[in-house]
C-alpha cells in the first residue's frame, strides 16, 4: 500500500515549519515526505528504506529531500518538529530518538 504524500512547498518560514504544518493534517496513514525544492529521482525513491521505522535519506549529512514516517510515529515526529521549527529536519529526527526513544533509519547516499 502506498503512503500518503506530503509535498513541502513552504515559501513562508522554515522547512521544518512547512513539514510541521503538512504532517499535522496527515495523521491517518503512513507518510512519504518529498521536498519540492530537491531533485526527485527514481533511484532516490528506491533507496529510501520503507519499514516500520521512520527513515530519512541523507547526502553528506544533509537531508536529501525524502523521508518516510509510519502512521504510529507521526505524532512524535510532529512533537519533535514543534521543538525544532528553526532548525533542520535532521535535527528533528535526532530529537525523535533522543527525546522519545524512537529509532529511525538514516541512509547516506553520498557514495
PDB file of N, CA and C in Angstrom:
ATOM      1  N   UNK A   1       0.832  -1.173   0.000  1.00  0.00           N
ATOM      2  CA  UNK A   1       0.000   0.000   0.000  1.00  0.00           C
ATOM      3  C   UNK A   1       0.880   1.240   0.000  1.00  0.00           C
ATOM      4  N   UNK A   2       0.560   2.190  -0.826  1.00  0.00           N
ATOM      5  CA  UNK A   2       1.370   3.397  -0.959  1.00  0.00           C
ATOM      6  C   UNK A   2       1.008   4.391   0.139  1.00  0.00           C
ATOM      7  N   UNK A   3       1.991   5.051   0.751  1.00  0.00           N
ATOM      8  CA  UNK A   3       1.692   6.008   1.822  1.00  0.00           C
ATOM      9  C   UNK A   3       1.122   7.312   1.284  1.00  0.00           C
ATOM     10  N   UNK A   4       0.544   8.110   2.188  1.00  0.00           N
ATOM     11  CA  UNK A   4       0.153   9.474   1.841  1.00  0.00           C
ATOM     12  C   UNK A   4       1.423  10.225   1.459  1.00  0.00           C
ATOM     13  N   UNK A   5       1.308  11.256   0.655  1.00  0.00           N
ATOM     14  CA  UNK A   5       2.473  12.030   0.246  1.00  0.00           C
ATOM     15  C   UNK A   5       2.331  13.449   0.771  1.00  0.00           C
ATOM     16  N   UNK A   6       3.389  13.959   1.369  1.00  0.00           N
ATOM     17  CA  UNK A   6       3.398  15.326   1.876  1.00  0.00           C
ATOM     18  C   UNK A   6       4.467  16.094   1.107  1.00  0.00           C
ATOM     19  N   UNK A   7       4.055  16.872   0.098  1.00  0.00           N
ATOM     20  CA  UNK A   7       4.990  17.721  -0.641  1.00  0.00           C
ATOM     21  C   UNK A   7       5.201  18.995   0.165  1.00  0.00           C
ATOM     22  N   UNK A   8       6.455  19.386   0.330  1.00  0.00           N
ATOM     23  CA  UNK A   8       6.746  20.607   1.079  1.00  0.00           C
ATOM     24  C   UNK A   8       7.024  21.719   0.091  1.00  0.00           C
ATOM     25  N   UNK A   9       6.182  22.734   0.108  1.00  0.00           N
ATOM     26  CA  UNK A   9       6.392  23.928  -0.699  1.00  0.00           C
ATOM     27  C   UNK A   9       6.113  25.106   0.223  1.00  0.00           C
ATOM     28  N   UNK A  10       7.076  25.419   1.037  1.00  0.00           N
ATOM     29  CA  UNK A  10       6.883  26.415   2.070  1.00  0.00           C
ATOM     30  C   UNK A  10       7.668  27.673   1.730  1.00  0.00           C
ATOM     31  N   UNK A  11       6.984  28.701   1.305  1.00  0.00           N
ATOM     32  CA  UNK A  11       7.666  29.948   0.976  1.00  0.00           C
ATOM     33  C   UNK A  11       7.737  30.877   2.182  1.00  0.00           C
ATOM     34  N   UNK A  12       6.916  30.625   3.182  1.00  0.00           N
ATOM     35  CA  UNK A  12       6.937  31.434   4.397  1.00  0.00           C
ATOM     36  C   UNK A  12       7.415  30.575   5.565  1.00  0.00           C
ATOM     37  N   UNK A  13       8.515  30.931   6.169  1.00  0.00           N
ATOM     38  CA  UNK A  13       9.004  30.180   7.310  1.00  0.00           C
ATOM     39  C   UNK A  13      10.055  29.161   6.912  1.00  0.00           C
ATOM     40  N   UNK A  14      10.380  28.313   7.848  1.00  0.00           N
ATOM     41  CA  UNK A  14      11.432  27.321   7.643  1.00  0.00           C
ATOM     42  C   UNK A  14      10.868  26.043   7.044  1.00  0.00           C
ATOM     43  N   UNK A  15      11.762  25.202   6.594  1.00  0.00           N
ATOM     44  CA  UNK A  15      11.377  23.902   6.053  1.00  0.00           C
ATOM     45  C   UNK A  15      10.690  23.057   7.128  1.00  0.00           C
ATOM     46  N   UNK A  16      11.216  23.098   8.350  1.00  0.00           N
ATOM     47  CA  UNK A  16      10.587  22.345   9.442  1.00  0.00           C
ATOM     48  C   UNK A  16       9.156  22.811   9.695  1.00  0.00           C
ATOM     49  N   UNK A  17       8.926  24.114   9.592  1.00  0.00           N
ATOM     50  CA  UNK A  17       7.580  24.628   9.814  1.00  0.00           C
ATOM     51  C   UNK A  17       6.626  24.134   8.722  1.00  0.00           C
ATOM     52  N   UNK A  18       7.093  24.100   7.479  1.00  0.00           N
ATOM     53  CA  UNK A  18       6.277  23.582   6.393  1.00  0.00           C
ATOM     54  C   UNK A  18       5.938  22.119   6.581  1.00  0.00           C
ATOM     55  N   UNK A  19       6.916  21.331   7.009  1.00  0.00           N
ATOM     56  CA  UNK A  19       6.675  19.912   7.275  1.00  0.00           C
ATOM     57  C   UNK A  19       5.737  19.743   8.458  1.00  0.00           C
ATOM     58  N   UNK A  20       5.936  20.534   9.479  1.00  0.00           N
ATOM     59  CA  UNK A  20       5.073  20.502  10.659  1.00  0.00           C
ATOM     60  C   UNK A  20       3.607  20.753  10.269  1.00  0.00           C
ATOM     61  N   UNK A  21       3.362  21.780   9.449  1.00  0.00           N
ATOM     62  CA  UNK A  21       2.001  22.087   9.011  1.00  0.00           C
ATOM     63  C   UNK A  21       1.412  20.938   8.205  1.00  0.00           C
ATOM     64  N   UNK A  22       2.215  20.354   7.319  1.00  0.00           N
ATOM     65  CA  UNK A  22       1.718  19.258   6.493  1.00  0.00           C
ATOM     66  C   UNK A  22       1.411  18.002   7.278  1.00  0.00           C
ATOM     67  N   UNK A  23       2.296  17.634   8.201  1.00  0.00           N
ATOM     68  CA  UNK A  23       2.103  16.397   8.965  1.00  0.00           C
ATOM     69  C   UNK A  23       0.946  16.490   9.948  1.00  0.00           C
ATOM     70  N   UNK A  24       0.663  17.665  10.445  1.00  0.00           N
ATOM     71  CA  UNK A  24      -0.470  17.814  11.364  1.00  0.00           C
ATOM     72  C   UNK A  24      -1.775  17.451  10.683  1.00  0.00           C
ATOM     73  N   UNK A  25      -1.839  17.608   9.367  1.00  0.00           N
ATOM     74  CA  UNK A  25      -3.057  17.299   8.623  1.00  0.00           C
ATOM     75  C   UNK A  25      -3.127  15.839   8.190  1.00  0.00           C
ATOM     76  N   UNK A  26      -1.997  15.156   8.141  1.00  0.00           N
ATOM     77  CA  UNK A  26      -1.954  13.775   7.634  1.00  0.00           C
ATOM     78  C   UNK A  26      -1.639  12.798   8.760  1.00  0.00           C
ATOM     79  N   UNK A  27      -2.577  12.573   9.636  1.00  0.00           N
ATOM     80  CA  UNK A  27      -2.326  11.692  10.771  1.00  0.00           C
ATOM     81  C   UNK A  27      -2.942  10.305  10.607  1.00  0.00           C
ATOM     82  N   UNK A  28      -3.607  10.021   9.481  1.00  0.00           N
ATOM     83  CA  UNK A  28      -4.322   8.767   9.354  1.00  0.00           C
ATOM     84  C   UNK A  28      -3.579   7.662   8.639  1.00  0.00           C
ATOM     85  N   UNK A  29      -2.514   7.975   7.928  1.00  0.00           N
ATOM     86  CA  UNK A  29      -1.808   6.977   7.134  1.00  0.00           C
ATOM     87  C   UNK A  29      -0.296   7.174   7.257  1.00  0.00           C
ATOM     88  N   UNK A  30       0.459   6.221   6.710  1.00  0.00           N
ATOM     89  CA  UNK A  30       1.901   6.402   6.585  1.00  0.00           C
ATOM     90  C   UNK A  30       2.142   7.570   5.630  1.00  0.00           C
ATOM     91  N   UNK A  31       3.260   8.275   5.821  1.00  0.00           N
ATOM     92  CA  UNK A  31       3.518   9.476   5.028  1.00  0.00           C
ATOM     93  C   UNK A  31       4.899   9.403   4.379  1.00  0.00           C
ATOM     94  N   UNK A  32       4.930   9.705   3.093  1.00  0.00           N
ATOM     95  CA  UNK A  32       6.173   9.879   2.356  1.00  0.00           C
ATOM     96  C   UNK A  32       6.365  11.375   2.189  1.00  0.00           C
ATOM     97  N   UNK A  33       7.446  11.919   2.756  1.00  0.00           N
ATOM     98  CA  UNK A  33       7.706  13.357   2.708  1.00  0.00           C
ATOM     99  C   UNK A  33       8.639  13.637   1.538  1.00  0.00           C
ATOM    100  N   UNK A  34       8.231  14.565   0.665  1.00  0.00           N
ATOM    101  CA  UNK A  34       9.018  14.937  -0.511  1.00  0.00           C
ATOM    102  C   UNK A  34       9.223  16.441  -0.487  1.00  0.00           C
ATOM    103  N   UNK A  35      10.476  16.876  -0.476  1.00  0.00           N
ATOM    104  CA  UNK A  35      10.799  18.300  -0.514  1.00  0.00           C
ATOM    105  C   UNK A  35      10.740  18.757  -1.964  1.00  0.00           C
ATOM    106  N   UNK A  36       9.845  19.705  -2.252  1.00  0.00           N
ATOM    107  CA  UNK A  36       9.675  20.213  -3.608  1.00  0.00           C
ATOM    108  C   UNK A  36      10.878  20.971  -4.135  1.00  0.00           C
ATOM    109  N   UNK A  37      11.779  21.379  -3.261  1.00  0.00           N
ATOM    110  CA  UNK A  37      12.960  22.122  -3.680  1.00  0.00           C
ATOM    111  C   UNK A  37      14.141  21.243  -4.044  1.00  0.00           C
ATOM    112  N   UNK A  38      14.012  19.940  -3.867  1.00  0.00           N
ATOM    113  CA  UNK A  38      15.087  19.000  -4.187  1.00  0.00           C
ATOM    114  C   UNK A  38      14.720  18.205  -5.437  1.00  0.00           C
ATOM    115  N   UNK A  39      15.730  17.760  -6.140  1.00  0.00           N
ATOM    116  CA  UNK A  39      15.503  16.952  -7.332  1.00  0.00           C
ATOM    117  C   UNK A  39      15.050  15.557  -6.917  1.00  0.00           C
ATOM    118  N   UNK A  40      13.917  15.139  -7.454  1.00  0.00           N
ATOM    119  CA  UNK A  40      13.373  13.817  -7.161  1.00  0.00           C
ATOM    120  C   UNK A  40      13.765  12.870  -8.282  1.00  0.00           C
ATOM    121  N   UNK A  41      14.455  11.818  -7.937  1.00  0.00           N
ATOM    122  CA  UNK A  41      14.880  10.827  -8.917  1.00  0.00           C
ATOM    123  C   UNK A  41      14.414   9.443  -8.461  1.00  0.00           C
ATOM    124  N   UNK A  42      14.164   8.580  -9.419  1.00  0.00           N
ATOM    125  CA  UNK A  42      13.675   7.238  -9.116  1.00  0.00           C
ATOM    126  C   UNK A  42      14.647   6.462  -8.235  1.00  0.00           C
ATOM    127  N   UNK A  43      15.961   6.640  -8.450  1.00  0.00           N
ATOM    128  CA  UNK A  43      16.931   5.900  -7.633  1.00  0.00           C
ATOM    129  C   UNK A  43      16.878   6.326  -6.169  1.00  0.00           C
ATOM    130  N   UNK A  44      16.523   7.581  -5.909  1.00  0.00           N
ATOM    131  CA  UNK A  44      16.365   8.019  -4.523  1.00  0.00           C
ATOM    132  C   UNK A  44      15.191   7.297  -3.871  1.00  0.00           C
ATOM    133  N   UNK A  45      14.087   7.210  -4.594  1.00  0.00           N
ATOM    134  CA  UNK A  45      12.915   6.525  -4.058  1.00  0.00           C
ATOM    135  C   UNK A  45      13.201   5.057  -3.772  1.00  0.00           C
ATOM    136  N   UNK A  46      14.001   4.431  -4.616  1.00  0.00           N
ATOM    137  CA  UNK A  46      14.335   3.024  -4.412  1.00  0.00           C
ATOM    138  C   UNK A  46      15.237   2.814  -3.201  1.00  0.00           C
ATOM    139  N   UNK A  47      16.059   3.816  -2.878  1.00  0.00           N
ATOM    140  CA  UNK A  47      16.999   3.690  -1.762  1.00  0.00           C
ATOM    141  C   UNK A  47      16.374   4.012  -0.414  1.00  0.00           C
ATOM    142  N   UNK A  48      15.276   4.751  -0.399  1.00  0.00           N
ATOM    143  CA  UNK A  48      14.654   5.121   0.868  1.00  0.00           C
ATOM    144  C   UNK A  48      14.070   3.887   1.544  1.00  0.00           C
ATOM    145  N   UNK A  49      14.545   3.562   2.753  1.00  0.00           N
ATOM    146  CA  UNK A  49      14.012   2.387   3.457  1.00  0.00           C
ATOM    147  C   UNK A  49      12.590   2.647   3.953  1.00  0.00           C
ATOM    148  N   UNK A  50      11.659   1.840   3.504  1.00  0.00           N
ATOM    149  CA  UNK A  50      10.271   1.949   3.961  1.00  0.00           C
ATOM    150  C   UNK A  50       9.994   0.708   4.792  1.00  0.00           C
ATOM    151  N   UNK A  51      10.112   0.889   6.121  1.00  0.00           N
ATOM    152  CA  UNK A  51       9.932  -0.201   7.076  1.00  0.00           C
ATOM    153  C   UNK A  51       8.951   0.255   8.146  1.00  0.00           C
ATOM    154  N   UNK A  52       9.001  -0.392   9.295  1.00  0.00           N
ATOM    155  CA  UNK A  52       8.138   0.014  10.406  1.00  0.00           C
ATOM    156  C   UNK A  52       8.752   1.143  11.225  1.00  0.00           C
ATOM    157  N   UNK A  53       9.929   1.635  10.820  1.00  0.00           N
ATOM    158  CA  UNK A  53      10.599   2.749  11.493  1.00  0.00           C
ATOM    159  C   UNK A  53      10.619   3.968  10.575  1.00  0.00           C
ATOM    160  N   UNK A  54      10.639   5.167  11.166  1.00  0.00           N
ATOM    161  CA  UNK A  54      10.823   6.355  10.325  1.00  0.00           C
ATOM    162  C   UNK A  54      12.177   6.266   9.627  1.00  0.00           C
ATOM    163  N   UNK A  55      12.274   6.835   8.439  1.00  0.00           N
ATOM    164  CA  UNK A  55      13.540   6.816   7.718  1.00  0.00           C
ATOM    165  C   UNK A  55      13.744   8.150   7.017  1.00  0.00           C
ATOM    166  N   UNK A  56      15.007   8.452   6.811  1.00  0.00           N
ATOM    167  CA  UNK A  56      15.379   9.716   6.191  1.00  0.00           C
ATOM    168  C   UNK A  56      16.555   9.456   5.255  1.00  0.00           C
ATOM    169  N   UNK A  57      16.537  10.119   4.110  1.00  0.00           N
ATOM    170  CA  UNK A  57      17.602   9.982   3.123  1.00  0.00           C
ATOM    171  C   UNK A  57      18.539  11.176   3.251  1.00  0.00           C
ATOM    172  N   UNK A  58      19.833  10.901   3.417  1.00  0.00           N
ATOM    173  CA  UNK A  58      20.838  11.940   3.598  1.00  0.00           C
ATOM    174  C   UNK A  58      21.879  11.890   2.490  1.00  0.00           C
ATOM    175  N   UNK A  59      22.528  13.026   2.279  1.00  0.00           N
ATOM    176  CA  UNK A  59      23.679  13.084   1.382  1.00  0.00           C
ATOM    177  C   UNK A  59      24.704  13.986   2.052  1.00  0.00           C
ATOM    178  N   UNK A  60      25.820  13.393   2.431  1.00  0.00           N
ATOM    179  CA  UNK A  60      26.886  14.090   3.169  1.00  0.00           C
ATOM    180  C   UNK A  60      26.354  14.740   4.439  1.00  0.00           C
ATOM    181  N   UNK A  61      25.476  14.041   5.132  1.00  0.00           N
ATOM    182  CA  UNK A  61      24.944  14.517   6.401  1.00  0.00           C
ATOM    183  C   UNK A  61      23.779  15.476   6.310  1.00  0.00           C
ATOM    184  N   UNK A  62      23.423  15.919   5.106  1.00  0.00           N
ATOM    185  CA  UNK A  62      22.297  16.835   4.923  1.00  0.00           C
ATOM    186  C   UNK A  62      21.102  16.095   4.338  1.00  0.00           C
ATOM    187  N   UNK A  63      19.912  16.585   4.659  1.00  0.00           N
ATOM    188  CA  UNK A  63      18.703  15.941   4.174  1.00  0.00           C
ATOM    189  C   UNK A  63      18.630  16.016   2.666  1.00  0.00           C
ATOM    190  N   UNK A  64      18.291  14.910   2.029  1.00  0.00           N
ATOM    191  CA  UNK A  64      18.255  14.825   0.574  1.00  0.00           C
ATOM    192  C   UNK A  64      16.839  14.970   0.014  1.00  0.00           C
ATOM    193  N   UNK A  65      15.887  15.328   0.849  1.00  0.00           N
ATOM    194  CA  UNK A  65      14.553  15.648   0.348  1.00  0.00           C
ATOM    195  C   UNK A  65      13.527  14.546   0.438  1.00  0.00           C
ATOM    196  N   UNK A  66      13.868  13.395   0.999  1.00  0.00           N
ATOM    197  CA  UNK A  66      12.907  12.302   1.151  1.00  0.00           C
ATOM    198  C   UNK A  66      12.942  11.756   2.568  1.00  0.00           C
ATOM    199  N   UNK A  67      11.764  11.473   3.088  1.00  0.00           N
ATOM    200  CA  UNK A  67      11.647  10.831   4.392  1.00  0.00           C
ATOM    201  C   UNK A  67      10.369  10.002   4.395  1.00  0.00           C
ATOM    202  N   UNK A  68      10.361   8.992   5.222  1.00  0.00           N
ATOM    203  CA  UNK A  68       9.188   8.132   5.375  1.00  0.00           C
ATOM    204  C   UNK A  68       8.830   8.094   6.856  1.00  0.00           C
ATOM    205  N   UNK A  69       7.546   8.279   7.144  1.00  0.00           N
ATOM    206  CA  UNK A  69       7.098   8.275   8.535  1.00  0.00           C
ATOM    207  C   UNK A  69       5.883   7.350   8.658  1.00  0.00           C
ATOM    208  N   UNK A  70       6.023   6.260   9.422  1.00  0.00           N
ATOM    209  CA  UNK A  70       4.869   5.382   9.643  1.00  0.00           C
ATOM    210  C   UNK A  70       3.790   6.082  10.466  1.00  0.00           C
ATOM    211  N   UNK A  71       2.563   5.646  10.290  1.00  0.00           N
ATOM    212  CA  UNK A  71       1.408   6.267  10.932  1.00  0.00           C
ATOM    213  C   UNK A  71       1.576   6.373  12.450  1.00  0.00           C
ATOM    214  N   UNK A  72       2.078   5.339  13.075  1.00  0.00           N
ATOM    215  CA  UNK A  72       2.140   5.345  14.535  1.00  0.00           C
ATOM    216  C   UNK A  72       3.204   6.290  15.089  1.00  0.00           C
ATOM    217  N   UNK A  73       4.118   6.777  14.232  1.00  0.00           N
ATOM    218  CA  UNK A  73       5.180   7.674  14.694  1.00  0.00           C
ATOM    219  C   UNK A  73       4.926   9.142  14.325  1.00  0.00           C
ATOM    220  N   UNK A  74       3.861   9.437  13.590  1.00  0.00           N
ATOM    221  CA  UNK A  74       3.628  10.810  13.133  1.00  0.00           C
ATOM    222  C   UNK A  74       3.469  11.771  14.298  1.00  0.00           C
ATOM    223  N   UNK A  75       2.761  11.371  15.325  1.00  0.00           N
ATOM    224  CA  UNK A  75       2.566  12.240  16.489  1.00  0.00           C
ATOM    225  C   UNK A  75       3.914  12.674  17.073  1.00  0.00           C
ATOM    226  N   UNK A  76       4.839  11.734  17.201  1.00  0.00           N
ATOM    227  CA  UNK A  76       6.145  12.044  17.799  1.00  0.00           C
ATOM    228  C   UNK A  76       7.014  12.882  16.863  1.00  0.00           C
ATOM    229  N   UNK A  77       6.886  12.667  15.575  1.00  0.00           N
ATOM    230  CA  UNK A  77       7.623  13.499  14.618  1.00  0.00           C
ATOM    231  C   UNK A  77       7.090  14.930  14.673  1.00  0.00           C
ATOM    232  N   UNK A  78       5.785  15.091  14.763  1.00  0.00           N
ATOM    233  CA  UNK A  78       5.186  16.430  14.878  1.00  0.00           C
ATOM    234  C   UNK A  78       5.682  17.105  16.152  1.00  0.00           C
ATOM    235  N   UNK A  79       5.729  16.382  17.258  1.00  0.00           N
ATOM    236  CA  UNK A  79       6.233  16.942  18.514  1.00  0.00           C
ATOM    237  C   UNK A  79       7.699  17.336  18.391  1.00  0.00           C
ATOM    238  N   UNK A  80       8.498  16.522  17.712  1.00  0.00           N
ATOM    239  CA  UNK A  80       9.910  16.857  17.503  1.00  0.00           C
ATOM    240  C   UNK A  80      10.052  18.098  16.632  1.00  0.00           C
ATOM    241  N   UNK A  81       9.220  18.205  15.605  1.00  0.00           N
ATOM    242  CA  UNK A  81       9.262  19.380  14.730  1.00  0.00           C
ATOM    243  C   UNK A  81       8.850  20.646  15.475  1.00  0.00           C
ATOM    244  N   UNK A  82       7.889  20.535  16.395  1.00  0.00           N
ATOM    245  CA  UNK A  82       7.479  21.692  17.200  1.00  0.00           C
ATOM    246  C   UNK A  82       8.663  22.269  17.968  1.00  0.00           C
ATOM    247  N   UNK A  83       9.540  21.392  18.432  1.00  0.00           N
ATOM    248  CA  UNK A  83      10.687  21.831  19.232  1.00  0.00           C
ATOM    249  C   UNK A  83      11.870  22.272  18.380  1.00  0.00           C
ATOM    250  N   UNK A  84      11.835  22.012  17.072  1.00  0.00           N
ATOM    251  CA  UNK A  84      12.961  22.360  16.198  1.00  0.00           C
ATOM    252  C   UNK A  84      12.506  23.151  14.980  1.00  0.00           C
ATOM    253  N   UNK A  85      11.522  24.016  15.128  1.00  0.00           N
ATOM    254  CA  UNK A  85      10.987  24.748  13.982  1.00  0.00           C
ATOM    255  C   UNK A  85      12.034  25.607  13.287  1.00  0.00           C
ATOM    256  N   UNK A  86      12.999  26.113  14.005  1.00  0.00           N
ATOM    257  CA  UNK A  86      14.034  26.962  13.420  1.00  0.00           C
ATOM    258  C   UNK A  86      15.312  26.189  13.104  1.00  0.00           C
ATOM    259  N   UNK A  87      15.255  24.889  13.166  1.00  0.00           N
ATOM    260  CA  UNK A  87      16.436  24.045  12.971  1.00  0.00           C
ATOM    261  C   UNK A  87      16.261  23.200  11.712  1.00  0.00           C
ATOM    262  N   UNK A  88      17.046  22.150  11.573  1.00  0.00           N
ATOM    263  CA  UNK A  88      16.986  21.294  10.382  1.00  0.00           C
ATOM    264  C   UNK A  88      16.144  20.049  10.644  1.00  0.00           C
ATOM    265  N   UNK A  89      15.750  19.411   9.570  1.00  0.00           N
ATOM    266  CA  UNK A  89      14.960  18.185   9.680  1.00  0.00           C
ATOM    267  C   UNK A  89      15.800  17.055  10.278  1.00  0.00           C
ATOM    268  N   UNK A  90      17.081  17.041   9.961  1.00  0.00           N
ATOM    269  CA  UNK A  90      17.951  16.022  10.560  1.00  0.00           C
ATOM    270  C   UNK A  90      18.003  16.193  12.071  1.00  0.00           C
ATOM    271  N   UNK A  91      17.961  17.418  12.540  1.00  0.00           N
ATOM    272  CA  UNK A  91      17.940  17.685  13.994  1.00  0.00           C
ATOM    273  C   UNK A  91      16.621  17.202  14.593  1.00  0.00           C
ATOM    274  N   UNK A  92      15.524  17.363  13.884  1.00  0.00           N
ATOM    275  CA  UNK A  92      14.227  16.885  14.372  1.00  0.00           C
ATOM    276  C   UNK A  92      14.229  15.363  14.496  1.00  0.00           C
ATOM    277  N   UNK A  93      14.847  14.667  13.548  1.00  0.00           N
ATOM    278  CA  UNK A  93      14.931  13.209  13.640  1.00  0.00           C
ATOM    279  C   UNK A  93      15.836  12.775  14.784  1.00  0.00           C
ATOM    280  N   UNK A  94      16.920  13.521  15.027  1.00  0.00           N
ATOM    281  CA  UNK A  94      17.797  13.214  16.158  1.00  0.00           C
ATOM    282  C   UNK A  94      17.035  13.413  17.475  1.00  0.00           C
ATOM    283  N   UNK A  95      16.227  14.455  17.543  1.00  0.00           N
ATOM    284  CA  UNK A  95      15.415  14.711  18.726  1.00  0.00           C
ATOM    285  C   UNK A  95      14.376  13.609  18.913  1.00  0.00           C
ATOM    286  N   UNK A  96      13.872  13.077  17.828  1.00  0.00           N
ATOM    287  CA  UNK A  96      12.924  11.968  17.876  1.00  0.00           C
ATOM    288  C   UNK A  96      13.528  10.788  18.635  1.00  0.00           C
ATOM    289  N   UNK A  97      14.787  10.508  18.362  1.00  0.00           N
ATOM    290  CA  UNK A  97      15.464   9.402  19.038  1.00  0.00           C
ATOM    291  C   UNK A  97      15.847   9.763  20.474  1.00  0.00           C
ATOM    292  N   UNK A  98      16.393  10.956  20.667  1.00  0.00           N
ATOM    293  CA  UNK A  98      16.878  11.335  21.988  1.00  0.00           C
ATOM    294  C   UNK A  98      15.758  11.604  22.990  1.00  0.00           C
ATOM    295  N   UNK A  99      14.681  12.200  22.558  1.00  0.00           N
ATOM    296  CA  UNK A  99      13.598  12.563  23.482  1.00  0.00           C
ATOM    297  C   UNK A  99      12.533  11.482  23.638  1.00  0.00           C
ATOM    298  N   UNK A 100      12.233  10.784  22.554  1.00  0.00           N
ATOM    299  CA  UNK A 100      11.132   9.824  22.591  1.00  0.00           C
ATOM    300  C   UNK A 100      11.581   8.372  22.459  1.00  0.00           C
ATOM    301  N   UNK A 101      12.864   8.144  22.272  1.00  0.00           N
ATOM    302  CA  UNK A 101      13.387   6.790  22.182  1.00  0.00           C
ATOM    303  C   UNK A 101      12.968   6.043  20.928  1.00  0.00           C
ATOM    304  N   UNK A 102      12.618   6.760  19.876  1.00  0.00           N
ATOM    305  CA  UNK A 102      12.179   6.130  18.631  1.00  0.00           C
ATOM    306  C   UNK A 102      13.359   6.066  17.674  1.00  0.00           C
ATOM    307  N   UNK A 103      13.777   4.863  17.366  1.00  0.00           N
ATOM    308  CA  UNK A 103      14.873   4.695  16.409  1.00  0.00           C
ATOM    309  C   UNK A 103      14.380   4.982  15.007  1.00  0.00           C
ATOM    310  N   UNK A 104      15.275   5.498  14.194  1.00  0.00           N
ATOM    311  CA  UNK A 104      14.962   5.762  12.803  1.00  0.00           C
ATOM    312  C   UNK A 104      16.117   5.297  11.944  1.00  0.00           C
ATOM    313  N   UNK A 105      15.860   5.143  10.661  1.00  0.00           N
ATOM    314  CA  UNK A 105      16.882   4.709   9.710  1.00  0.00           C
ATOM    315  C   UNK A 105      17.338   5.926   8.928  1.00  0.00           C
ATOM    316  N   UNK A 106      18.631   6.206   8.976  1.00  0.00           N
ATOM    317  CA  UNK A 106      19.209   7.310   8.199  1.00  0.00           C
ATOM    318  C   UNK A 106      20.159   6.701   7.189  1.00  0.00           C
ATOM    319  N   UNK A 107      19.824   6.825   5.922  1.00  0.00           N
ATOM    320  CA  UNK A 107      20.645   6.253   4.859  1.00  0.00           C
ATOM    321  C   UNK A 107      21.365   7.364   4.135  1.00  0.00           C
ATOM    322  N   UNK A 108      22.703   7.327   4.155  1.00  0.00           N
ATOM    323  CA  UNK A 108      23.519   8.336   3.470  1.00  0.00           C
ATOM    324  C   UNK A 108      23.867   7.804   2.080  1.00  0.00           C
ATOM    325  N   UNK A 109      23.466   8.529   1.039  1.00  0.00           N
ATOM    326  CA  UNK A 109      23.672   8.076  -0.340  1.00  0.00           C
ATOM    327  C   UNK A 109      24.829   8.797  -1.007  1.00  0.00           C
ATOM    328  N   UNK A 110      25.728   9.377  -0.229  1.00  0.00           N
ATOM    329  CA  UNK A 110      26.816  10.165  -0.805  1.00  0.00           C
ATOM    330  C   UNK A 110      27.870   9.313  -1.504  1.00  0.00           C
ATOM    331  N   UNK A 111      27.823   8.023  -1.355  1.00  0.00           N
ATOM    332  CA  UNK A 111      28.803   7.141  -2.025  1.00  0.00           C
ATOM    333  C   UNK A 111      28.440   6.908  -3.465  1.00  0.00           C
TER     334      UNK A 111
END
